[in-house]
């Protein structure tokens, strides 16, 4: 059977990690010639904090979240044609209503696949309700190796690992980006990303080794404090292109997000996947499960003194930084959206073949 049409139920054009996972894959499928339909959250009830950008013609907003409205308009699912039906981040979707029409979806689609974003099965009450496990998937895809132990335990041979994609390697003009953003041209610039769950974390200043360094905190929060050599810039929603411009304007990027729960969780920093392709040194906290999936591709600090030491190395393109950027470049190549999208297509075709669907 020729595979042509893919429908995916996911977050779209919002500031969420699920969208950052879905967007490069969906757009690559389209570039590969597949017909893709995106079913996503209504504007009155979506997973994330803000909608960014305009919806593309292939996007239909037809359901709400499981934590608010539980709304689901069944018509797009019943009337659209698709060979593959993909669901992403099921827990945030209106599961009970989706279960009611799932038998019809299974008859329409040749293959149904769930992309798991769940990070653990520990907790009281259980983090996933019983209806989460009511769906008969042809495959369940996990995106971080740290999810493997519980997903394989539950789904057995139906569990498949396909890594989280990176945005591809890309380059920008540092001076032009600084001019556009109104940033100094004569200083080293460190971007401190402090949006969503990320917070500012700065070295002790002033410091003679960093006296010509400018720290730019970009945030959506109301910070009232002042600090030497530091600008706090509150912005509205930023598109991927705008985030890239801030990255290209910088010489290094601090991503500070502490995740240290009492038991292991399979969390990851989606901001790393966002920024790593800009090939700027990324500095992250060592004691945070958000950055455990990354090894030599990022520079890890344990305190402000070590952050300062790594910043000096990064701003002078020292040995540790050069090694990290080389590993980052290889990481981006391994997680290129073309490779990841192809892995999904290979899985879909394998599942169809196993079903002997003509």
Protein backbone atom coordinates (compact mmCIF):
# COMPACT_ATOMS: atom_id res chain seq x y z
CA UNK A 1 0.00 0.00 0.00
CA UNK A 2 1.26 3.47 -0.84
CA UNK A 3 1.60 5.68 2.23
CA UNK A 4 0.51 9.22 1.37
CA UNK A 5 -1.62 10.76 4.12
CA UNK A 6 -0.66 11.34 7.76
CA UNK A 7 -2.87 12.85 10.46
CA UNK A 8 -1.32 13.93 13.75
CA UNK A 9 -3.07 15.06 16.94
CA UNK A 10 -0.62 17.34 18.75
CA UNK A 11 0.17 20.78 20.14
CA UNK A 12 0.77 23.32 17.37
CA UNK A 13 1.99 26.93 17.16
CA UNK A 14 2.31 27.16 20.94
CA UNK A 15 5.22 27.54 23.36
CA UNK A 16 5.40 23.90 24.42
CA UNK A 17 7.95 21.13 24.15
CA UNK A 18 5.42 18.95 22.35
CA UNK A 19 5.20 21.51 19.53
CA UNK A 20 8.99 21.73 19.40
CA UNK A 21 9.01 17.97 18.86
CA UNK A 22 6.19 17.92 16.31
CA UNK A 23 7.04 20.92 14.13
CA UNK A 24 10.33 19.81 12.52
CA UNK A 25 8.94 16.32 11.89
CA UNK A 26 5.66 17.48 10.37
CA UNK A 27 7.32 20.07 8.14
CA UNK A 28 9.84 17.48 6.96
CA UNK A 29 7.03 15.04 6.12
CA UNK A 30 5.45 17.79 4.01
CA UNK A 31 8.78 18.47 2.29
CA UNK A 32 9.00 14.73 1.58
CA UNK A 33 5.71 14.95 -0.32
CA UNK A 34 3.27 13.51 2.22
CA UNK A 35 -0.17 14.99 2.81
CA UNK A 36 -0.31 15.98 6.47
CA UNK A 37 -3.25 17.10 8.58
CA UNK A 38 -2.59 18.57 12.03
CA UNK A 39 -5.42 18.33 14.58
CA UNK A 40 -4.69 20.59 17.52
CA UNK A 41 -6.04 22.49 20.54
CA UNK A 42 -8.66 25.19 20.28
CA UNK A 43 -7.48 28.72 21.07
CA UNK A 44 -9.67 28.89 24.18
CA UNK A 45 -8.06 25.80 25.73
CA UNK A 46 -4.56 24.70 24.74
CA UNK A 47 -1.46 23.15 26.27
CA UNK A 48 1.10 25.94 26.66
CA UNK A 49 1.01 29.58 27.72
CA UNK A 50 0.71 31.44 24.42
CA UNK A 51 -0.10 30.82 20.77
CA UNK A 52 2.68 31.88 18.40
CA UNK A 53 2.32 32.54 14.70
CA UNK A 54 -0.52 31.93 12.25
CA UNK A 55 -1.94 28.50 11.57
CA UNK A 56 -1.04 26.85 8.29
CA UNK A 57 -3.79 25.63 5.90
CA UNK A 58 -3.28 22.03 7.04
CA UNK A 59 -4.10 22.84 10.70
CA UNK A 60 -7.52 22.25 12.28
CA UNK A 61 -8.26 23.35 15.86
CA UNK A 62 -10.84 20.89 17.13
CA UNK A 63 -10.25 19.86 20.77
CA UNK A 64 -9.38 21.15 24.23
CA UNK A 65 -7.20 19.85 27.05
CA UNK A 66 -7.98 17.04 29.48
CA UNK A 67 -7.47 19.42 32.41
CA UNK A 68 -9.98 22.09 31.38
CA UNK A 69 -12.79 21.65 28.83
CA UNK A 70 -12.29 18.06 27.63
CA UNK A 71 -13.85 19.32 24.39
CA UNK A 72 -13.54 17.29 21.21
CA UNK A 73 -15.22 17.94 17.86
CA UNK A 74 -15.31 14.46 16.26
CA UNK A 75 -16.00 15.61 12.70
CA UNK A 76 -12.43 16.22 11.48
CA UNK A 77 -11.37 12.81 12.75
CA UNK A 78 -14.31 11.11 11.04
CA UNK A 79 -14.40 13.03 7.75
CA UNK A 80 -10.70 13.51 6.90
CA UNK A 81 -8.86 10.73 5.07
CA UNK A 82 -5.56 9.45 6.45
CA UNK A 83 -3.40 6.34 6.15
CA UNK A 84 -1.56 6.96 9.43
CA UNK A 85 -3.01 8.43 12.62
CA UNK A 86 -0.49 9.73 15.19
CA UNK A 87 -1.30 10.95 18.70
CA UNK A 88 1.24 12.96 20.68
CA UNK A 89 1.20 13.63 24.43
CA UNK A 90 -2.03 11.71 25.06
CA UNK A 91 -2.38 12.73 28.71
CA UNK A 92 -3.10 16.36 27.74
CA UNK A 93 -5.79 15.35 25.21
CA UNK A 94 -9.50 14.71 25.88
CA UNK A 95 -8.88 10.99 26.31
CA UNK A 96 -12.36 9.86 27.28
CA UNK A 97 -13.98 11.52 24.28
CA UNK A 98 -11.21 10.35 21.97
CA UNK A 99 -11.76 6.78 23.19
CA UNK A 100 -15.38 6.97 22.07
CA UNK A 101 -14.42 7.52 18.42
CA UNK A 102 -11.17 5.55 18.47
CA UNK A 103 -12.72 2.38 16.96
CA UNK A 104 -13.75 4.43 13.89
CA UNK A 105 -10.28 6.00 13.68
CA UNK A 106 -8.73 2.51 13.76
CA UNK A 107 -10.96 1.39 10.90
CA UNK A 108 -10.03 4.45 8.83
CA UNK A 109 -6.28 4.41 9.49
CA UNK A 110 -3.98 1.60 8.45
CA UNK A 111 -1.77 2.30 11.48
CA UNK A 112 -2.28 4.19 14.77
CA UNK A 113 0.77 5.36 16.73
CA UNK A 114 1.23 7.09 20.08
CA UNK A 115 4.28 9.31 20.72
CA UNK A 116 4.87 9.21 24.48
CA UNK A 117 5.98 12.34 26.33
CA UNK A 118 5.25 10.92 29.78
CA UNK A 119 8.30 11.06 32.04
CA UNK A 120 7.39 8.58 34.79
CA UNK A 121 4.79 6.21 36.21
CA UNK A 122 5.74 7.05 39.81
CA UNK A 123 3.58 9.27 41.98
CA UNK A 124 0.46 9.33 44.13
CA UNK A 125 -2.08 9.53 42.59
CA UNK A 126 -0.76 7.76 39.46
CA UNK A 127 0.31 10.36 36.89
CA UNK A 128 -1.69 8.66 34.12
CA UNK A 129 -5.38 7.78 34.69
CA UNK A 130 -6.76 4.34 33.70
CA UNK A 131 -8.20 5.64 30.40
CA UNK A 132 -4.66 6.50 29.31
CA UNK A 133 -4.06 2.78 28.83
CA UNK A 134 -7.38 2.02 27.09
CA UNK A 135 -6.13 2.58 23.53
CA UNK A 136 -4.97 -0.26 21.31
CA UNK A 137 -1.96 1.23 19.51
CA UNK A 138 -0.04 -0.44 16.72
CA UNK A 139 3.10 1.19 18.11
CA UNK A 140 4.17 3.41 20.99
CA UNK A 141 7.17 5.65 20.32
CA UNK A 142 9.34 6.92 23.17
CA UNK A 143 11.69 9.82 22.55
CA UNK A 144 14.23 9.59 25.39
CA UNK A 145 16.14 6.48 26.47
CA UNK A 146 15.23 7.25 30.08
CA UNK A 147 11.59 6.41 29.26
CA UNK A 148 12.48 2.95 28.04
CA UNK A 149 12.21 0.94 31.27
CA UNK A 150 8.54 1.67 31.97
CA UNK A 151 7.29 1.98 28.37
CA UNK A 152 8.73 -1.41 27.37
CA UNK A 153 7.36 -2.90 30.57
CA UNK A 154 3.85 -1.73 29.62
CA UNK A 155 3.83 -2.03 25.82
CA UNK A 156 6.43 -4.74 25.14
CA UNK A 157 7.28 -5.23 21.46
CA UNK A 158 5.02 -2.33 20.48
CA UNK A 159 7.53 0.11 22.04
CA UNK A 160 9.95 1.78 19.60
CA UNK A 161 12.66 4.38 20.24
CA UNK A 162 12.87 7.37 17.86
CA UNK A 163 14.95 10.26 19.24
CA UNK A 164 13.77 13.81 19.79
CA UNK A 165 14.73 15.87 16.69
CA UNK A 166 16.96 18.95 16.71
CA UNK A 167 16.31 21.99 14.65
CA UNK A 168 19.01 21.73 11.95
CA UNK A 169 22.38 23.49 11.95
CA UNK A 170 22.02 27.09 10.83
CA UNK A 171 24.06 30.29 10.80
CA UNK A 172 23.37 33.99 11.20
CA UNK A 173 25.29 37.27 11.08
CA UNK A 174 26.21 38.29 14.64
CA UNK A 175 26.67 42.00 13.88
CA UNK A 176 23.47 42.32 11.85
CA UNK A 177 21.45 40.54 14.56
CA UNK A 178 22.88 42.82 17.25
CA UNK A 179 22.03 45.91 15.23
CA UNK A 180 18.49 44.69 14.67
CA UNK A 181 18.02 43.86 18.36
CA UNK A 182 19.67 47.04 19.66
CA UNK A 183 22.56 45.25 21.37
CA UNK A 184 26.16 46.47 21.85
CA UNK A 185 28.56 45.67 19.04
CA UNK A 186 31.80 46.04 21.04
CA UNK A 187 31.28 43.51 23.85
CA UNK A 188 31.07 39.79 24.38
CA UNK A 189 27.40 38.92 24.82
CA UNK A 190 25.91 36.13 26.91
CA UNK A 191 22.26 35.30 26.32
CA UNK A 192 20.45 34.21 29.49
CA UNK A 193 17.27 32.40 28.45
CA UNK A 194 14.67 32.88 31.19
CA UNK A 195 11.33 32.03 29.61
CA UNK A 196 8.91 29.37 30.80
CA UNK A 197 10.57 27.16 33.41
CA UNK A 198 14.04 28.64 32.85
CA UNK A 199 15.41 31.18 35.33
CA UNK A 200 18.29 33.68 35.30
CA UNK A 201 21.54 32.42 36.81
CA UNK A 202 24.53 34.75 36.61
CA UNK A 203 28.15 34.68 37.78
CA UNK A 204 29.34 36.99 40.54
CA UNK A 205 29.81 40.44 38.98
CA UNK A 206 31.79 42.59 38.58
CA UNK A 207 34.70 40.28 37.70
CA UNK A 208 37.89 41.33 35.93
CA UNK A 209 37.74 38.27 33.65
CA UNK A 210 34.24 39.25 32.50
CA UNK A 211 34.50 43.04 32.56
CA UNK A 212 33.85 43.38 28.80
CA UNK A 213 30.89 40.98 28.87
CA UNK A 214 27.23 42.01 28.49
CA UNK A 215 24.54 39.72 29.90
CA UNK A 216 21.11 39.82 28.23
CA UNK A 217 18.24 38.16 30.06
CA UNK A 218 15.29 37.50 27.77
CA UNK A 219 12.15 36.62 29.69
CA UNK A 220 8.38 36.72 29.82
CA UNK A 221 8.45 37.37 33.57
CA UNK A 222 8.45 40.59 35.60
CA UNK A 223 11.90 40.79 37.17
CA UNK A 224 12.42 43.99 39.20
CA UNK A 225 16.04 43.49 40.28
CA UNK A 226 19.10 45.15 38.78
CA UNK A 227 22.56 43.65 38.40
CA UNK A 228 25.89 44.86 36.96
CA UNK A 229 26.48 44.43 33.21
CA UNK A 230 22.99 42.92 32.83
CA UNK A 231 19.96 43.93 30.78
CA UNK A 232 16.58 42.37 31.52
CA UNK A 233 14.44 42.36 28.41
CA UNK A 234 10.82 41.26 28.78
CA UNK A 235 9.34 40.26 25.44
CA UNK A 236 6.10 38.91 24.09
CA UNK A 237 5.92 35.54 22.33
CA UNK A 238 9.01 34.86 20.22
CA UNK A 239 8.99 32.89 16.98
CA UNK A 240 11.74 30.40 16.18
CA UNK A 241 13.26 32.98 13.83
CA UNK A 242 13.32 35.61 16.58
CA UNK A 243 14.91 33.17 19.04
CA UNK A 244 17.54 32.38 16.42
CA UNK A 245 18.34 36.07 16.05
CA UNK A 246 19.00 36.36 19.79
CA UNK A 247 21.17 33.23 19.64
CA UNK A 248 23.15 34.48 16.62
CA UNK A 249 23.72 37.82 18.38
CA UNK A 250 25.29 36.03 21.36
CA UNK A 251 28.66 34.44 22.08
CA UNK A 252 27.26 31.94 24.61
CA UNK A 253 23.87 30.93 26.03
CA UNK A 254 22.93 30.05 29.63
CA UNK A 255 19.99 27.67 30.05
CA UNK A 256 19.28 27.35 33.77
CA UNK A 257 16.48 25.00 34.74
CA UNK A 258 16.65 22.89 37.89
CA UNK A 259 14.74 19.60 37.89
CA UNK A 260 15.62 17.34 40.83
CA UNK A 261 12.54 15.29 41.81
CA UNK A 262 12.73 12.60 44.52
CA UNK A 263 12.66 9.77 41.94
CA UNK A 264 14.03 9.43 38.39
CA UNK A 265 12.04 11.13 35.63
CA UNK A 266 12.57 11.17 31.87
CA UNK A 267 12.50 14.94 31.41
CA UNK A 268 14.53 16.82 28.84
CA UNK A 269 15.35 20.43 28.01
CA UNK A 270 13.60 21.24 24.75
CA UNK A 271 15.46 24.57 24.70
CA UNK A 272 18.67 22.65 24.05
CA UNK A 273 17.08 21.07 20.96
CA UNK A 274 15.98 24.57 19.95
CA UNK A 275 19.36 26.29 20.33
CA UNK A 276 21.99 23.60 19.75
CA UNK A 277 21.79 23.97 15.96
CA UNK A 278 22.92 27.62 16.21
CA UNK A 279 26.32 26.27 17.35
CA UNK A 280 26.63 28.65 20.27
CA UNK A 281 28.17 27.26 23.49
CA UNK A 282 25.34 26.16 25.79
CA UNK A 283 25.93 26.34 29.56
CA UNK A 284 23.58 24.32 31.77
CA UNK A 285 23.38 23.16 35.42
CA UNK A 286 24.91 19.78 36.14
CA UNK A 287 22.41 18.86 38.88
CA UNK A 288 19.26 18.88 36.77
CA UNK A 289 17.55 15.94 35.14
CA UNK A 290 16.49 18.23 32.29
CA UNK A 291 20.05 18.03 30.94
CA UNK A 292 20.90 14.38 31.68
CA UNK A 293 20.28 13.34 28.03
CA UNK A 294 23.15 15.63 27.01
CA UNK A 295 26.76 14.81 27.71
CA UNK A 296 29.69 16.51 26.03
CA UNK A 297 27.49 18.64 23.73
CA UNK A 298 26.85 21.20 26.50
CA UNK A 299 29.03 22.73 29.23
CA UNK A 300 27.79 21.83 32.74
CA UNK A 301 28.38 23.88 35.88
CA UNK A 302 27.69 23.09 39.54
CA UNK A 303 27.93 26.63 40.98
CA UNK A 304 28.59 30.26 40.04
CA UNK A 305 32.36 29.86 40.25
CA UNK A 306 32.28 27.01 37.74
CA UNK A 307 29.83 28.96 35.58
CA UNK A 308 32.34 31.84 35.46
CA UNK A 309 35.15 29.43 34.56
CA UNK A 310 33.13 27.93 31.72
CA UNK A 311 32.03 31.35 30.48
CA UNK A 312 35.64 32.48 30.22
CA UNK A 313 36.43 29.32 28.23
CA UNK A 314 33.37 29.80 26.00
CA UNK A 315 33.97 33.49 25.31
CA UNK A 316 37.57 32.78 24.37
CA UNK A 317 36.72 29.61 22.40
CA UNK A 318 38.82 27.47 24.73
CA UNK A 319 39.55 23.78 24.39
CA UNK A 320 36.47 22.59 26.34
CA UNK A 321 34.22 24.81 24.25
CA UNK A 322 35.72 23.67 20.95
CA UNK A 323 35.23 20.04 21.97
CA UNK A 324 31.62 20.72 23.04
CA UNK A 325 30.78 22.48 19.77
CA UNK A 326 32.21 19.61 17.74
CA UNK A 327 30.08 17.15 19.70
CA UNK A 328 27.09 19.50 19.33
CA UNK A 329 27.55 19.55 15.55
CA UNK A 330 27.57 15.74 15.46
CA UNK A 331 24.53 15.60 17.78
CA UNK A 332 22.60 17.90 15.44
CA UNK A 333 23.50 15.72 12.46
CA UNK A 334 22.31 12.59 14.29
CA UNK A 335 19.04 14.28 15.28
CA UNK A 336 18.44 16.03 11.95
CA UNK A 337 14.66 16.26 11.25
CA UNK A 338 15.16 14.52 7.91
CA UNK A 339 16.61 11.48 9.68
CA UNK A 340 13.98 11.47 12.44
CA UNK A 341 11.07 11.95 10.01
CA UNK A 342 12.47 9.11 7.89
CA UNK A 343 12.61 6.86 10.96
CA UNK A 344 8.90 7.46 11.52
CA UNK A 345 8.09 6.69 7.87
CA UNK A 346 10.14 3.48 8.08
CA UNK A 347 8.20 2.48 11.20
CA UNK A 348 4.84 3.24 9.53
CA UNK A 349 5.78 1.19 6.45
CA UNK A 350 7.01 -1.70 8.61
CA UNK A 351 3.75 -1.75 10.58
CA UNK A 352 1.69 -1.66 7.38
CA UNK A 353 3.75 -4.49 5.91
CA UNK A 354 3.30 -6.60 9.04
CA UNK A 355 -0.45 -6.17 8.72
CA UNK A 356 -0.27 -7.29 5.06
CA UNK A 357 -2.38 -4.32 4.02
CA UNK A 358 -2.74 -4.04 0.26
